[in-house]
Amino acid sequence: MAPTACRAKIFGGGNMFSARPRRLEPPRSDAATARAARSLLQEHGIEIESESLFGDETHRQIAFDVETGHVWARQVSPPGAPAAGGKGSTP
């Protein structure tokens, strides 16, 4: 299958390890990671169908149905923070 026959859904950018001391984590830029993902996909002719990228101190739980291509993403808040909502994505 040619890369151009593929479609991408990209998720990421949450800092789910924010409680770890910074000296243990390599420097990172969520925006740079998102740009790199988009750039690589574009370079290979792969269309980005949907995305959910953010750089706060939450993470997501992702469910992916390989048969239909449906993705469900739920944002999860760190302990002690207000509950986050979730939203689904369809192919």
N, C-alpha and C. Protein backbone atom coordinates (compact mmCIF):
# COMPACT_ATOMS: atom_id res chain seq x y z
N MET A 1 0.85 -1.17 0.00
CA MET A 1 0.00 0.00 0.00
C MET A 1 0.89 1.24 0.00
N ALA A 2 0.57 2.18 -0.85
CA ALA A 2 1.32 3.43 -0.92
C ALA A 2 0.99 4.31 0.27
N PRO A 3 1.98 5.06 0.77
CA PRO A 3 1.71 5.96 1.90
C PRO A 3 0.55 6.91 1.64
N THR A 4 0.37 7.32 0.38
CA THR A 4 -0.71 8.27 0.08
C THR A 4 -2.09 7.63 0.24
N ALA A 5 -2.15 6.31 0.35
CA ALA A 5 -3.43 5.63 0.59
C ALA A 5 -3.76 5.61 2.09
N CYS A 6 -2.85 6.08 2.91
CA CYS A 6 -3.05 6.08 4.36
C CYS A 6 -3.62 7.42 4.82
N ARG A 7 -4.27 7.37 5.97
CA ARG A 7 -4.74 8.59 6.64
C ARG A 7 -4.24 8.52 8.07
N ALA A 8 -3.93 9.68 8.64
CA ALA A 8 -3.38 9.72 10.00
C ALA A 8 -4.33 10.43 10.95
N LYS A 9 -4.30 9.98 12.19
CA LYS A 9 -4.94 10.65 13.32
C LYS A 9 -3.85 10.76 14.37
N ILE A 10 -3.52 11.98 14.77
CA ILE A 10 -2.40 12.15 15.70
C ILE A 10 -2.88 12.68 17.04
N PHE A 11 -2.30 12.13 18.09
CA PHE A 11 -2.66 12.48 19.46
C PHE A 11 -1.37 12.66 20.25
N GLY A 12 -1.38 13.57 21.20
CA GLY A 12 -0.20 13.72 22.05
C GLY A 12 -0.06 15.11 22.61
N GLY A 13 1.07 15.32 23.25
CA GLY A 13 1.40 16.63 23.78
C GLY A 13 1.14 16.82 25.25
N GLY A 14 0.44 15.91 25.89
CA GLY A 14 0.19 16.05 27.32
C GLY A 14 1.42 15.66 28.13
N ASN A 15 1.62 16.34 29.24
CA ASN A 15 2.76 16.04 30.11
C ASN A 15 2.27 15.19 31.28
N MET A 16 2.11 13.89 31.06
CA MET A 16 1.54 13.03 32.08
C MET A 16 2.52 12.70 33.20
N PHE A 17 3.76 13.12 33.08
CA PHE A 17 4.75 12.87 34.13
C PHE A 17 5.20 14.19 34.76
N SER A 18 4.30 15.14 34.90
CA SER A 18 4.66 16.46 35.39
C SER A 18 5.16 16.44 36.83
N ALA A 19 4.82 15.40 37.60
CA ALA A 19 5.26 15.33 39.00
C ALA A 19 6.74 14.93 39.12
N ARG A 20 7.32 14.42 38.06
CA ARG A 20 8.73 14.01 38.10
C ARG A 20 9.62 15.24 38.15
N PRO A 21 10.70 15.17 38.89
CA PRO A 21 11.64 16.31 38.90
C PRO A 21 12.14 16.61 37.49
N ARG A 22 12.21 17.87 37.14
CA ARG A 22 12.62 18.27 35.79
C ARG A 22 14.02 17.77 35.44
N ARG A 23 14.90 17.61 36.42
CA ARG A 23 16.26 17.17 36.10
C ARG A 23 16.27 15.75 35.54
N LEU A 24 15.18 14.98 35.75
CA LEU A 24 15.10 13.61 35.24
C LEU A 24 14.53 13.55 33.83
N GLU A 25 13.96 14.65 33.39
CA GLU A 25 13.34 14.66 32.07
C GLU A 25 14.20 15.41 31.07
N PRO A 26 14.30 14.89 29.85
CA PRO A 26 15.02 15.65 28.82
C PRO A 26 14.19 16.87 28.44
N PRO A 27 14.86 17.93 27.98
CA PRO A 27 14.10 19.10 27.53
C PRO A 27 13.17 18.69 26.39
N ARG A 28 11.99 19.23 26.36
CA ARG A 28 11.05 18.87 25.31
C ARG A 28 10.20 20.05 24.92
N SER A 29 9.70 20.00 23.75
CA SER A 29 8.79 21.02 23.26
C SER A 29 7.63 20.31 22.59
N ASP A 30 6.47 20.38 23.23
CA ASP A 30 5.30 19.72 22.66
C ASP A 30 4.97 20.29 21.29
N ALA A 31 5.13 21.60 21.14
CA ALA A 31 4.85 22.22 19.84
C ALA A 31 5.81 21.71 18.78
N ALA A 32 7.08 21.52 19.14
CA ALA A 32 8.07 21.01 18.18
C ALA A 32 7.74 19.58 17.78
N THR A 33 7.30 18.78 18.73
CA THR A 33 6.93 17.39 18.44
C THR A 33 5.74 17.35 17.49
N ALA A 34 4.75 18.18 17.73
CA ALA A 34 3.58 18.24 16.85
C ALA A 34 3.98 18.68 15.45
N ARG A 35 4.85 19.70 15.35
CA ARG A 35 5.32 20.16 14.03
C ARG A 35 6.07 19.04 13.31
N ALA A 36 6.90 18.29 14.04
CA ALA A 36 7.66 17.20 13.42
C ALA A 36 6.72 16.11 12.90
N ALA A 37 5.70 15.77 13.68
CA ALA A 37 4.74 14.75 13.24
C ALA A 37 4.03 15.21 11.98
N ARG A 38 3.55 16.43 11.99
CA ARG A 38 2.85 16.95 10.80
C ARG A 38 3.78 16.99 9.59
N SER A 39 5.01 17.43 9.81
CA SER A 39 5.98 17.54 8.71
C SER A 39 6.29 16.18 8.09
N LEU A 40 6.52 15.18 8.94
CA LEU A 40 6.82 13.84 8.43
C LEU A 40 5.65 13.25 7.66
N LEU A 41 4.45 13.44 8.17
CA LEU A 41 3.28 12.92 7.47
C LEU A 41 3.11 13.62 6.13
N GLN A 42 3.26 14.95 6.12
CA GLN A 42 3.15 15.71 4.88
C GLN A 42 4.22 15.27 3.88
N GLU A 43 5.44 15.09 4.37
CA GLU A 43 6.55 14.67 3.51
C GLU A 43 6.26 13.35 2.79
N HIS A 44 5.51 12.49 3.45
CA HIS A 44 5.18 11.18 2.86
C HIS A 44 3.81 11.15 2.20
N GLY A 45 3.17 12.32 2.10
CA GLY A 45 1.89 12.41 1.40
C GLY A 45 0.73 11.79 2.17
N ILE A 46 0.84 11.73 3.49
CA ILE A 46 -0.21 11.13 4.31
C ILE A 46 -1.09 12.24 4.88
N GLU A 47 -2.37 12.17 4.57
CA GLU A 47 -3.33 13.17 5.03
C GLU A 47 -3.60 13.02 6.53
N ILE A 48 -3.60 14.14 7.25
CA ILE A 48 -3.98 14.13 8.66
C ILE A 48 -5.48 14.33 8.72
N GLU A 49 -6.17 13.28 9.12
CA GLU A 49 -7.63 13.30 9.17
C GLU A 49 -8.16 14.01 10.41
N SER A 50 -7.49 13.79 11.53
CA SER A 50 -7.88 14.48 12.76
C SER A 50 -6.69 14.49 13.71
N GLU A 51 -6.75 15.40 14.69
CA GLU A 51 -5.68 15.48 15.66
C GLU A 51 -6.20 16.03 16.98
N SER A 52 -5.51 15.67 18.03
CA SER A 52 -5.79 16.18 19.36
C SER A 52 -4.45 16.35 20.05
N LEU A 53 -3.96 17.58 20.05
CA LEU A 53 -2.64 17.87 20.60
C LEU A 53 -2.76 19.01 21.60
N PHE A 54 -2.19 18.84 22.76
CA PHE A 54 -2.16 19.91 23.74
C PHE A 54 -0.97 19.69 24.65
N GLY A 55 -0.53 20.74 25.33
CA GLY A 55 0.67 20.66 26.13
C GLY A 55 0.46 20.90 27.61
N ASP A 56 -0.70 20.56 28.12
CA ASP A 56 -0.90 20.78 29.55
C ASP A 56 -0.54 19.52 30.35
N GLU A 57 -0.91 19.49 31.60
CA GLU A 57 -0.49 18.39 32.46
C GLU A 57 -1.55 17.30 32.58
N THR A 58 -2.08 16.94 31.46
CA THR A 58 -3.04 15.84 31.40
C THR A 58 -2.56 14.84 30.36
N HIS A 59 -3.24 13.73 30.29
CA HIS A 59 -2.93 12.77 29.24
C HIS A 59 -4.25 12.22 28.71
N ARG A 60 -4.18 11.39 27.71
CA ARG A 60 -5.38 10.83 27.09
C ARG A 60 -5.39 9.31 27.22
N GLN A 61 -6.58 8.80 27.24
CA GLN A 61 -6.77 7.37 27.05
C GLN A 61 -7.36 7.24 25.65
N ILE A 62 -6.75 6.40 24.85
CA ILE A 62 -7.15 6.25 23.45
C ILE A 62 -7.67 4.84 23.22
N ALA A 63 -8.79 4.75 22.52
CA ALA A 63 -9.31 3.46 22.05
C ALA A 63 -9.38 3.56 20.54
N PHE A 64 -8.82 2.58 19.86
CA PHE A 64 -8.76 2.59 18.40
C PHE A 64 -9.34 1.29 17.88
N ASP A 65 -10.35 1.39 17.04
CA ASP A 65 -10.97 0.22 16.41
C ASP A 65 -10.28 0.01 15.06
N VAL A 66 -9.43 -1.00 14.97
CA VAL A 66 -8.65 -1.22 13.75
C VAL A 66 -9.52 -1.62 12.56
N GLU A 67 -10.69 -2.15 12.83
CA GLU A 67 -11.57 -2.57 11.73
C GLU A 67 -12.26 -1.37 11.07
N THR A 68 -12.72 -0.42 11.89
CA THR A 68 -13.48 0.71 11.35
C THR A 68 -12.66 1.99 11.22
N GLY A 69 -11.56 2.09 11.98
CA GLY A 69 -10.76 3.30 11.99
C GLY A 69 -11.26 4.34 12.98
N HIS A 70 -12.32 4.02 13.72
CA HIS A 70 -12.82 4.96 14.74
C HIS A 70 -11.83 5.08 15.88
N VAL A 71 -11.70 6.29 16.39
CA VAL A 71 -10.85 6.55 17.55
C VAL A 71 -11.67 7.30 18.59
N TRP A 72 -11.53 6.88 19.83
CA TRP A 72 -12.15 7.58 20.95
C TRP A 72 -11.02 8.03 21.86
N ALA A 73 -11.03 9.31 22.20
CA ALA A 73 -10.00 9.86 23.07
C ALA A 73 -10.67 10.51 24.27
N ARG A 74 -10.14 10.20 25.44
CA ARG A 74 -10.65 10.80 26.67
C ARG A 74 -9.50 11.46 27.39
N GLN A 75 -9.65 12.75 27.66
CA GLN A 75 -8.61 13.49 28.38
C GLN A 75 -8.71 13.13 29.86
N VAL A 76 -7.58 12.82 30.48
CA VAL A 76 -7.54 12.42 31.88
C VAL A 76 -6.75 13.47 32.66
N SER A 77 -7.37 13.99 33.71
CA SER A 77 -6.72 15.01 34.54
C SER A 77 -5.82 14.37 35.58
N PRO A 78 -4.78 15.08 36.02
CA PRO A 78 -3.93 14.55 37.08
C PRO A 78 -4.71 14.47 38.39
N PRO A 79 -4.24 13.65 39.34
CA PRO A 79 -4.93 13.54 40.62
C PRO A 79 -5.11 14.91 41.28
N GLY A 80 -6.31 15.16 41.80
CA GLY A 80 -6.59 16.41 42.47
C GLY A 80 -7.08 17.53 41.56
N ALA A 81 -7.01 17.33 40.26
CA ALA A 81 -7.46 18.35 39.32
C ALA A 81 -8.92 18.08 38.95
N PRO A 82 -9.64 19.11 38.48
CA PRO A 82 -11.01 18.89 38.03
C PRO A 82 -11.06 17.88 36.89
N ALA A 83 -12.13 17.14 36.79
CA ALA A 83 -12.28 16.12 35.74
C ALA A 83 -12.30 16.78 34.37
N ALA A 84 -11.71 16.10 33.40
CA ALA A 84 -11.67 16.58 32.02
C ALA A 84 -12.72 15.84 31.21
N GLY A 85 -13.18 16.47 30.15
CA GLY A 85 -14.16 15.84 29.27
C GLY A 85 -13.50 14.97 28.23
N GLY A 86 -14.27 14.33 27.41
CA GLY A 86 -13.72 13.50 26.35
C GLY A 86 -14.47 13.76 25.07
N LYS A 87 -13.89 13.34 23.97
CA LYS A 87 -14.60 13.47 22.71
C LYS A 87 -14.15 12.37 21.77
N GLY A 88 -15.02 11.99 20.89
CA GLY A 88 -14.70 10.91 19.97
C GLY A 88 -14.33 11.44 18.61
N SER A 89 -13.83 10.57 17.80
CA SER A 89 -13.44 10.91 16.44
C SER A 89 -13.88 9.76 15.55
N THR A 90 -14.35 10.07 14.36
CA THR A 90 -14.78 9.02 13.44
C THR A 90 -13.94 9.08 12.20
N PRO A 91 -13.91 7.99 11.45
CA PRO A 91 -13.08 7.98 10.23
C PRO A 91 -13.54 8.93 9.17
